[in-house]
């Protein structure tokens, strides 16, 4: 007959610690289960691709990642400048999948046009196309400069502490903005892009 039954529970196993040991550890304040009671989790060996990425990361200079991130930002800005999203035909099909299928502005609609206007120094027109993008842009730029400066050059710029409540409030404001810009009556129709 088995030593473990549904009534006995796990403490009836021969290798399990008796209840007296539990009370003894509780009285002394020692950690339970005692160290070494269970085998440690074995970390699996990384695969070839992971080893390759780790080697490249270890050998790359510390300014490589900020430079790559700056290159991605530069490509996005170049796309906005070269595509000139403000010159689209009035009857052209929208490139946003949500707007194409439902006719509603998505949370990001107008962002490329807002970036184009910001790069040309027309902040009011940029805010007309996507107010929250224009509002967040200086904060995002500072966070990027502070991060890249610390990574590449060891700068110690003050890092703003963004709490989860602030992020939640910003996301809630973005949700309200996304809904309000699709309402079909004034003054919300001025937000429609």
C-alpha atoms as a PDB file:
ATOM      1  CA  UNK A   1       0.000   0.000   0.000  1.00  0.00           C
ATOM      2  CA  UNK A   2       1.210   3.532  -0.794  1.00  0.00           C
ATOM      3  CA  UNK A   3       2.549   5.827   1.903  1.00  0.00           C
ATOM      4  CA  UNK A   4       0.800   8.873   0.414  1.00  0.00           C
ATOM      5  CA  UNK A   5      -2.962   9.119   0.203  1.00  0.00           C
ATOM      6  CA  UNK A   6      -5.340  11.956  -0.360  1.00  0.00           C
ATOM      7  CA  UNK A   7      -5.981  12.023   3.384  1.00  0.00           C
ATOM      8  CA  UNK A   8      -2.337  11.849   4.436  1.00  0.00           C
ATOM      9  CA  UNK A   9      -1.222  14.712   2.169  1.00  0.00           C
ATOM     10  CA  UNK A  10       2.343  15.466   1.168  1.00  0.00           C
ATOM     11  CA  UNK A  11       3.846  15.268   4.681  1.00  0.00           C
ATOM     12  CA  UNK A  12       3.311  11.515   4.729  1.00  0.00           C
ATOM     13  CA  UNK A  13       6.088  11.012   2.153  1.00  0.00           C
ATOM     14  CA  UNK A  14       9.176   9.377   3.628  1.00  0.00           C
ATOM     15  CA  UNK A  15      11.422  12.200   2.351  1.00  0.00           C
ATOM     16  CA  UNK A  16       9.159  14.991   3.634  1.00  0.00           C
ATOM     17  CA  UNK A  17      10.043  16.801   6.816  1.00  0.00           C
ATOM     18  CA  UNK A  18       7.919  15.900   9.856  1.00  0.00           C
ATOM     19  CA  UNK A  19       5.569  18.478  11.311  1.00  0.00           C
ATOM     20  CA  UNK A  20       7.864  18.844  14.344  1.00  0.00           C
ATOM     21  CA  UNK A  21      10.590  20.234  12.045  1.00  0.00           C
ATOM     22  CA  UNK A  22       8.154  22.831  10.725  1.00  0.00           C
ATOM     23  CA  UNK A  23       7.362  24.024  14.237  1.00  0.00           C
ATOM     24  CA  UNK A  24      11.033  24.028  15.235  1.00  0.00           C
ATOM     25  CA  UNK A  25      11.953  26.215  12.238  1.00  0.00           C
ATOM     26  CA  UNK A  26       8.993  28.521  12.896  1.00  0.00           C
ATOM     27  CA  UNK A  27      10.097  28.974  16.531  1.00  0.00           C
ATOM     28  CA  UNK A  28      13.701  29.811  15.604  1.00  0.00           C
ATOM     29  CA  UNK A  29      12.776  32.087  12.703  1.00  0.00           C
ATOM     30  CA  UNK A  30      14.885  30.055  10.283  1.00  0.00           C
ATOM     31  CA  UNK A  31      13.930  29.941   6.624  1.00  0.00           C
ATOM     32  CA  UNK A  32      11.663  27.156   5.461  1.00  0.00           C
ATOM     33  CA  UNK A  33      12.329  25.072   3.532  1.00  0.00           C
ATOM     34  CA  UNK A  34      15.906  24.854   4.755  1.00  0.00           C
ATOM     35  CA  UNK A  35      18.567  25.631   2.132  1.00  0.00           C
ATOM     36  CA  UNK A  36      19.463  22.562   0.142  1.00  0.00           C
ATOM     37  CA  UNK A  37      16.183  20.776   0.880  1.00  0.00           C
ATOM     38  CA  UNK A  38      15.136  20.951  -2.771  1.00  0.00           C
ATOM     39  CA  UNK A  39      17.314  20.789  -5.874  1.00  0.00           C
ATOM     40  CA  UNK A  40      18.123  24.170  -7.417  1.00  0.00           C
ATOM     41  CA  UNK A  41      16.579  25.186 -10.719  1.00  0.00           C
ATOM     42  CA  UNK A  42      18.961  24.286 -13.507  1.00  0.00           C
ATOM     43  CA  UNK A  43      19.407  27.117 -16.000  1.00  0.00           C
ATOM     44  CA  UNK A  44      19.291  25.736 -19.545  1.00  0.00           C
ATOM     45  CA  UNK A  45      22.246  26.273 -21.831  1.00  0.00           C
ATOM     46  CA  UNK A  46      21.689  29.185 -24.241  1.00  0.00           C
ATOM     47  CA  UNK A  47      21.205  28.355 -27.906  1.00  0.00           C
ATOM     48  CA  UNK A  48      23.585  29.401 -30.694  1.00  0.00           C
ATOM     49  CA  UNK A  49      21.782  32.610 -31.558  1.00  0.00           C
ATOM     50  CA  UNK A  50      21.646  33.731 -27.915  1.00  0.00           C
ATOM     51  CA  UNK A  51      25.371  32.993 -27.504  1.00  0.00           C
ATOM     52  CA  UNK A  52      26.086  34.983 -30.685  1.00  0.00           C
ATOM     53  CA  UNK A  53      24.054  37.984 -29.480  1.00  0.00           C
ATOM     54  CA  UNK A  54      25.758  37.884 -26.081  1.00  0.00           C
ATOM     55  CA  UNK A  55      29.226  37.759 -27.709  1.00  0.00           C
ATOM     56  CA  UNK A  56      28.387  40.733 -29.937  1.00  0.00           C
ATOM     57  CA  UNK A  57      27.005  42.629 -26.942  1.00  0.00           C
ATOM     58  CA  UNK A  58      30.099  41.916 -24.841  1.00  0.00           C
ATOM     59  CA  UNK A  59      32.497  42.986 -27.619  1.00  0.00           C
ATOM     60  CA  UNK A  60      30.635  46.079 -28.822  1.00  0.00           C
ATOM     61  CA  UNK A  61      31.606  49.518 -27.564  1.00  0.00           C
ATOM     62  CA  UNK A  62      29.257  51.090 -25.068  1.00  0.00           C
ATOM     63  CA  UNK A  63      28.156  53.785 -27.535  1.00  0.00           C
ATOM     64  CA  UNK A  64      26.909  51.242 -30.131  1.00  0.00           C
ATOM     65  CA  UNK A  65      23.404  50.734 -28.715  1.00  0.00           C
ATOM     66  CA  UNK A  66      22.631  54.473 -28.298  1.00  0.00           C
ATOM     67  CA  UNK A  67      23.980  55.058 -31.812  1.00  0.00           C
ATOM     68  CA  UNK A  68      21.744  52.299 -33.212  1.00  0.00           C
ATOM     69  CA  UNK A  69      18.723  53.762 -31.370  1.00  0.00           C
ATOM     70  CA  UNK A  70      19.575  57.216 -32.706  1.00  0.00           C
ATOM     71  CA  UNK A  71      19.770  55.711 -36.195  1.00  0.00           C
ATOM     72  CA  UNK A  72      16.260  54.266 -35.807  1.00  0.00           C
ATOM     73  CA  UNK A  73      14.925  57.637 -34.643  1.00  0.00           C
ATOM     74  CA  UNK A  74      16.722  59.314 -37.559  1.00  0.00           C
ATOM     75  CA  UNK A  75      15.179  56.868 -40.035  1.00  0.00           C
ATOM     76  CA  UNK A  76      11.715  57.633 -38.675  1.00  0.00           C
ATOM     77  CA  UNK A  77      12.322  61.370 -38.983  1.00  0.00           C
ATOM     78  CA  UNK A  78      13.712  60.939 -42.509  1.00  0.00           C
ATOM     79  CA  UNK A  79      10.632  58.949 -43.501  1.00  0.00           C
ATOM     80  CA  UNK A  80       8.364  61.700 -42.182  1.00  0.00           C
ATOM     81  CA  UNK A  81      10.341  64.372 -44.046  1.00  0.00           C
ATOM     82  CA  UNK A  82      10.593  62.500 -47.352  1.00  0.00           C
ATOM     83  CA  UNK A  83       7.060  61.145 -47.478  1.00  0.00           C
ATOM     84  CA  UNK A  84       5.449  64.538 -46.716  1.00  0.00           C
ATOM     85  CA  UNK A  85       2.258  63.107 -45.218  1.00  0.00           C
ATOM     86  CA  UNK A  86       0.540  66.499 -45.424  1.00  0.00           C
ATOM     87  CA  UNK A  87       0.335  66.328 -49.237  1.00  0.00           C
ATOM     88  CA  UNK A  88      -1.925  63.280 -49.488  1.00  0.00           C
ATOM     89  CA  UNK A  89      -4.785  63.458 -51.986  1.00  0.00           C
ATOM     90  CA  UNK A  90      -8.158  64.175 -50.342  1.00  0.00           C
ATOM     91  CA  UNK A  91      -9.670  60.977 -51.780  1.00  0.00           C
ATOM     92  CA  UNK A  92      -6.615  58.776 -51.132  1.00  0.00           C
ATOM     93  CA  UNK A  93      -7.192  55.601 -49.147  1.00  0.00           C
ATOM     94  CA  UNK A  94      -5.867  55.863 -45.565  1.00  0.00           C
ATOM     95  CA  UNK A  95      -2.775  53.834 -44.724  1.00  0.00           C
ATOM     96  CA  UNK A  96      -4.013  53.125 -41.191  1.00  0.00           C
ATOM     97  CA  UNK A  97      -5.738  49.741 -41.118  1.00  0.00           C
ATOM     98  CA  UNK A  98      -8.248  50.789 -38.437  1.00  0.00           C
ATOM     99  CA  UNK A  99      -9.209  53.942 -40.326  1.00  0.00           C
ATOM    100  CA  UNK A 100      -9.396  52.037 -43.618  1.00  0.00           C
ATOM    101  CA  UNK A 101     -11.739  49.390 -42.224  1.00  0.00           C
ATOM    102  CA  UNK A 102     -13.851  51.401 -39.740  1.00  0.00           C
ATOM    103  CA  UNK A 103     -13.398  55.048 -40.669  1.00  0.00           C
ATOM    104  CA  UNK A 104     -12.304  55.818 -37.092  1.00  0.00           C
ATOM    105  CA  UNK A 105      -9.051  57.500 -36.130  1.00  0.00           C
ATOM    106  CA  UNK A 106      -6.764  55.119 -34.239  1.00  0.00           C
ATOM    107  CA  UNK A 107      -4.756  56.262 -31.182  1.00  0.00           C
ATOM    108  CA  UNK A 108      -1.754  56.991 -33.437  1.00  0.00           C
ATOM    109  CA  UNK A 109      -3.534  58.603 -36.409  1.00  0.00           C
ATOM    110  CA  UNK A 110      -1.977  61.957 -37.219  1.00  0.00           C
ATOM    111  CA  UNK A 111       1.338  61.147 -35.529  1.00  0.00           C
ATOM    112  CA  UNK A 112       3.404  61.167 -38.746  1.00  0.00           C
ATOM    113  CA  UNK A 113       1.862  64.462 -39.832  1.00  0.00           C
ATOM    114  CA  UNK A 114       2.466  65.883 -36.349  1.00  0.00           C
ATOM    115  CA  UNK A 115       6.136  64.846 -36.581  1.00  0.00           C
ATOM    116  CA  UNK A 116       6.391  66.453 -40.036  1.00  0.00           C
ATOM    117  CA  UNK A 117       5.006  69.731 -38.678  1.00  0.00           C
ATOM    118  CA  UNK A 118       7.280  69.602 -35.607  1.00  0.00           C
ATOM    119  CA  UNK A 119      10.322  69.101 -37.843  1.00  0.00           C
ATOM    120  CA  UNK A 120       9.232  72.178 -39.813  1.00  0.00           C
ATOM    121  CA  UNK A 121       8.705  74.236 -36.644  1.00  0.00           C
ATOM    122  CA  UNK A 122       4.908  74.488 -36.883  1.00  0.00           C
ATOM    123  CA  UNK A 123       3.948  73.308 -33.382  1.00  0.00           C
ATOM    124  CA  UNK A 124       0.287  74.492 -33.494  1.00  0.00           C
ATOM    125  CA  UNK A 125      -0.352  72.491 -36.683  1.00  0.00           C
ATOM    126  CA  UNK A 126       1.432  69.503 -35.137  1.00  0.00           C
ATOM    127  CA  UNK A 127      -0.748  69.743 -32.023  1.00  0.00           C
ATOM    128  CA  UNK A 128      -3.826  69.941 -34.250  1.00  0.00           C
ATOM    129  CA  UNK A 129      -2.923  66.547 -35.749  1.00  0.00           C
ATOM    130  CA  UNK A 130      -1.871  64.742 -32.564  1.00  0.00           C
ATOM    131  CA  UNK A 131      -1.819  66.784 -29.356  1.00  0.00           C
ATOM    132  CA  UNK A 132      -0.558  64.021 -27.047  1.00  0.00           C
ATOM    133  CA  UNK A 133       2.376  63.202 -29.340  1.00  0.00           C
ATOM    134  CA  UNK A 134       3.474  66.847 -29.295  1.00  0.00           C
ATOM    135  CA  UNK A 135       2.986  66.980 -25.509  1.00  0.00           C
ATOM    136  CA  UNK A 136       5.063  63.808 -24.930  1.00  0.00           C
ATOM    137  CA  UNK A 137       7.836  64.662 -27.424  1.00  0.00           C
ATOM    138  CA  UNK A 138      10.005  66.872 -25.144  1.00  0.00           C
ATOM    139  CA  UNK A 139       9.808  64.310 -22.319  1.00  0.00           C
ATOM    140  CA  UNK A 140      10.708  61.441 -24.643  1.00  0.00           C
ATOM    141  CA  UNK A 141      13.583  63.455 -26.147  1.00  0.00           C
ATOM    142  CA  UNK A 142      15.010  64.249 -22.702  1.00  0.00           C
ATOM    143  CA  UNK A 143      14.682  60.628 -21.544  1.00  0.00           C
ATOM    144  CA  UNK A 144      16.505  59.490 -24.680  1.00  0.00           C
ATOM    145  CA  UNK A 145      19.317  62.026 -24.277  1.00  0.00           C
ATOM    146  CA  UNK A 146      19.740  61.157 -20.585  1.00  0.00           C
ATOM    147  CA  UNK A 147      19.812  57.411 -21.340  1.00  0.00           C
ATOM    148  CA  UNK A 148      22.113  57.700 -24.375  1.00  0.00           C
ATOM    149  CA  UNK A 149      24.466  60.103 -22.577  1.00  0.00           C
ATOM    150  CA  UNK A 150      24.767  57.727 -19.623  1.00  0.00           C
ATOM    151  CA  UNK A 151      25.300  54.691 -21.878  1.00  0.00           C
ATOM    152  CA  UNK A 152      27.768  56.270 -24.297  1.00  0.00           C
ATOM    153  CA  UNK A 153      29.650  58.875 -22.275  1.00  0.00           C
ATOM    154  CA  UNK A 154      28.869  58.197 -18.622  1.00  0.00           C
ATOM    155  CA  UNK A 155      26.914  61.443 -18.203  1.00  0.00           C
ATOM    156  CA  UNK A 156      24.850  61.683 -15.048  1.00  0.00           C
ATOM    157  CA  UNK A 157      21.891  63.802 -16.134  1.00  0.00           C
ATOM    158  CA  UNK A 158      18.990  63.887 -13.687  1.00  0.00           C
ATOM    159  CA  UNK A 159      16.647  61.008 -14.435  1.00  0.00           C
ATOM    160  CA  UNK A 160      12.982  61.799 -13.903  1.00  0.00           C
ATOM    161  CA  UNK A 161      11.270  59.092 -11.906  1.00  0.00           C
ATOM    162  CA  UNK A 162       8.175  58.099 -13.851  1.00  0.00           C
ATOM    163  CA  UNK A 163       5.873  56.143 -11.572  1.00  0.00           C
ATOM    164  CA  UNK A 164       3.350  53.611 -12.731  1.00  0.00           C
ATOM    165  CA  UNK A 165       0.589  56.045 -11.708  1.00  0.00           C
ATOM    166  CA  UNK A 166       1.950  58.694 -14.082  1.00  0.00           C
ATOM    167  CA  UNK A 167       2.176  56.156 -16.912  1.00  0.00           C
ATOM    168  CA  UNK A 168      -1.356  54.973 -16.128  1.00  0.00           C
ATOM    169  CA  UNK A 169      -2.664  58.554 -16.136  1.00  0.00           C
ATOM    170  CA  UNK A 170      -0.973  59.245 -19.481  1.00  0.00           C
ATOM    171  CA  UNK A 171      -2.433  56.068 -21.003  1.00  0.00           C
ATOM    172  CA  UNK A 172      -5.880  56.966 -19.633  1.00  0.00           C
ATOM    173  CA  UNK A 173      -5.581  60.466 -21.160  1.00  0.00           C
ATOM    174  CA  UNK A 174      -4.538  58.869 -24.460  1.00  0.00           C
ATOM    175  CA  UNK A 175      -7.612  56.604 -24.331  1.00  0.00           C
ATOM    176  CA  UNK A 176      -9.909  59.581 -23.642  1.00  0.00           C
ATOM    177  CA  UNK A 177      -8.237  61.528 -26.478  1.00  0.00           C
ATOM    178  CA  UNK A 178      -8.637  58.550 -28.832  1.00  0.00           C
ATOM    179  CA  UNK A 179     -12.358  58.287 -28.076  1.00  0.00           C
ATOM    180  CA  UNK A 180     -12.993  62.060 -28.081  1.00  0.00           C
ATOM    181  CA  UNK A 181     -11.386  62.570 -31.494  1.00  0.00           C
ATOM    182  CA  UNK A 182     -13.925  60.183 -33.031  1.00  0.00           C
ATOM    183  CA  UNK A 183     -17.066  61.774 -31.547  1.00  0.00           C
ATOM    184  CA  UNK A 184     -19.233  63.241 -34.331  1.00  0.00           C
ATOM    185  CA  UNK A 185     -20.287  66.546 -32.713  1.00  0.00           C
ATOM    186  CA  UNK A 186     -18.620  69.853 -31.900  1.00  0.00           C
ATOM    187  CA  UNK A 187     -16.138  70.625 -30.348  1.00  0.00           C
ATOM    188  CA  UNK A 188     -14.761  67.102 -30.854  1.00  0.00           C
ATOM    189  CA  UNK A 189     -15.010  67.288 -34.644  1.00  0.00           C
ATOM    190  CA  UNK A 190     -12.056  69.701 -34.559  1.00  0.00           C
ATOM    191  CA  UNK A 191      -9.885  66.794 -33.352  1.00  0.00           C
ATOM    192  CA  UNK A 192     -10.741  64.653 -36.383  1.00  0.00           C
ATOM    193  CA  UNK A 193      -7.809  64.117 -38.731  1.00  0.00           C
END
